[in-house]
Amino acid sequence: MAKNYVANGMTMDLQLSKDVASGDPVVVGKQVVVAAVDGKTGETITVNTCGVWSLPKTTGAIGQGDEVFITSDGDITTTATDNTAVGYAFEAAGASDTTVNVNIG
């Protein structure tokens, strides 16, 4: 292995600025990660930086392959304005669906 190898990048440790539950999306700078475990403010937990996750969504349909963003409320949307890029919809989600599968990272 190269001497400058640091990590595989699939997970990282993160000190929390708010309480999270396992599976919650968390914005870190301009990156969205998913909490691997429950954590309280100030704790350091492991978060996932890639993979496909079922995440809560806003109203409206999302097509497979659509670029998606996270709102300040933690919901997935196709609206870029004032939101952080997450990744792409892994599968389509109908307007009445409450979640969408998202490929993050």
Protein backbone atom coordinates (compact mmCIF):
# COMPACT_ATOMS: atom_id res chain seq x y z
CA MET A 1 0.00 0.00 0.00
CA ALA A 2 1.23 3.49 -0.83
CA LYS A 3 2.82 5.31 2.09
CA ASN A 4 0.44 8.27 1.67
CA TYR A 5 -2.74 6.13 2.02
CA VAL A 6 -5.08 7.55 4.66
CA ALA A 7 -8.44 5.72 4.47
CA ASN A 8 -10.89 4.07 2.05
CA GLY A 9 -13.20 7.08 2.39
CA MET A 10 -16.40 5.07 2.89
CA THR A 11 -16.77 6.31 6.47
CA MET A 12 -15.35 9.07 8.63
CA ASP A 13 -15.52 10.20 12.22
CA LEU A 14 -17.54 13.35 12.85
CA GLN A 15 -17.99 15.44 15.98
CA LEU A 16 -21.68 16.30 16.11
CA SER A 17 -23.02 19.83 16.31
CA LYS A 18 -26.55 18.49 16.99
CA ASP A 19 -28.21 15.25 18.06
CA VAL A 20 -28.70 12.67 15.28
CA ALA A 21 -30.31 9.26 14.92
CA SER A 22 -28.85 6.36 12.99
CA GLY A 23 -29.76 6.86 9.33
CA ASP A 24 -30.12 10.65 9.55
CA PRO A 25 -28.53 12.65 6.73
CA VAL A 26 -26.01 15.19 8.06
CA VAL A 27 -24.51 18.12 6.15
CA VAL A 28 -20.75 18.50 6.65
CA GLY A 29 -19.61 21.59 4.77
CA LYS A 30 -20.84 20.88 1.24
CA GLN A 31 -20.94 17.11 1.72
CA VAL A 32 -23.90 15.04 2.90
CA VAL A 33 -23.18 11.95 5.00
CA VAL A 34 -25.42 9.48 6.84
CA ALA A 35 -25.11 8.75 10.57
CA ALA A 36 -24.19 5.12 11.25
CA VAL A 37 -25.35 5.30 14.88
CA ASP A 38 -27.31 7.58 17.21
CA GLY A 39 -25.28 10.45 18.66
CA LYS A 40 -25.61 13.46 20.94
CA THR A 41 -24.23 16.97 20.43
CA GLY A 42 -20.47 16.98 21.06
CA GLU A 43 -20.01 13.23 20.59
CA THR A 44 -17.87 11.82 17.79
CA ILE A 45 -19.59 9.14 15.70
CA THR A 46 -18.96 7.27 12.47
CA VAL A 47 -20.81 8.54 9.41
CA ASN A 48 -21.10 6.98 5.95
CA THR A 49 -19.82 9.03 3.01
CA CYS A 50 -21.17 6.88 0.17
CA GLY A 51 -23.78 4.28 -0.66
CA VAL A 52 -27.50 4.20 -1.39
CA TRP A 53 -29.78 5.39 1.41
CA SER A 54 -33.52 5.71 1.85
CA LEU A 55 -33.98 9.35 2.89
CA PRO A 56 -37.03 11.49 3.68
CA LYS A 57 -38.24 13.61 0.76
CA THR A 58 -40.37 16.66 0.17
CA THR A 59 -43.57 16.48 -1.85
CA GLY A 60 -43.33 16.03 -5.59
CA ALA A 61 -42.05 13.26 -7.79
CA ILE A 62 -38.33 12.57 -8.24
CA GLY A 63 -37.12 10.72 -11.32
CA GLN A 64 -34.45 8.05 -11.36
CA GLY A 65 -31.09 9.71 -11.92
CA ASP A 66 -32.31 13.19 -10.95
CA GLU A 67 -29.77 15.26 -9.05
CA VAL A 68 -31.07 15.75 -5.52
CA PHE A 69 -30.42 18.21 -2.71
CA ILE A 70 -31.08 18.39 1.02
CA THR A 71 -33.13 21.16 2.61
CA SER A 72 -32.31 22.76 5.95
CA ASP A 73 -35.07 20.52 7.40
CA GLY A 74 -33.24 17.37 6.23
CA ASP A 75 -35.60 16.47 3.38
CA ILE A 76 -34.55 15.51 -0.14
CA THR A 77 -35.69 17.69 -3.04
CA THR A 78 -34.79 18.41 -6.66
CA THR A 79 -34.61 22.15 -5.88
CA ALA A 80 -31.02 23.38 -5.89
CA THR A 81 -31.62 26.93 -4.65
CA ASP A 82 -30.58 27.35 -0.99
CA ASN A 83 -29.98 23.60 -0.62
CA THR A 84 -26.91 21.32 -0.49
CA ALA A 85 -26.21 18.74 -3.23
CA VAL A 86 -26.57 15.15 -2.01
CA GLY A 87 -26.19 12.94 -5.07
CA TYR A 88 -28.63 11.27 -7.44
CA ALA A 89 -31.93 9.43 -7.10
CA PHE A 90 -31.15 5.71 -7.30
CA GLU A 91 -34.79 4.97 -8.12
CA ALA A 92 -37.79 7.07 -8.98
CA ALA A 93 -40.08 8.21 -6.16
CA GLY A 94 -43.70 9.24 -6.66
CA ALA A 95 -45.21 12.48 -5.40
CA SER A 96 -46.92 10.69 -2.51
CA ASP A 97 -43.81 8.72 -1.45
CA THR A 98 -42.27 9.89 1.81
CA THR A 99 -38.76 8.62 1.01
CA VAL A 100 -36.44 8.34 -1.96
CA ASN A 101 -33.40 6.10 -2.43
CA VAL A 102 -30.36 8.32 -2.93
CA ASN A 103 -26.84 7.44 -4.04
CA ILE A 104 -24.69 9.78 -1.94
CA GLY A 105 -21.06 10.63 -2.36
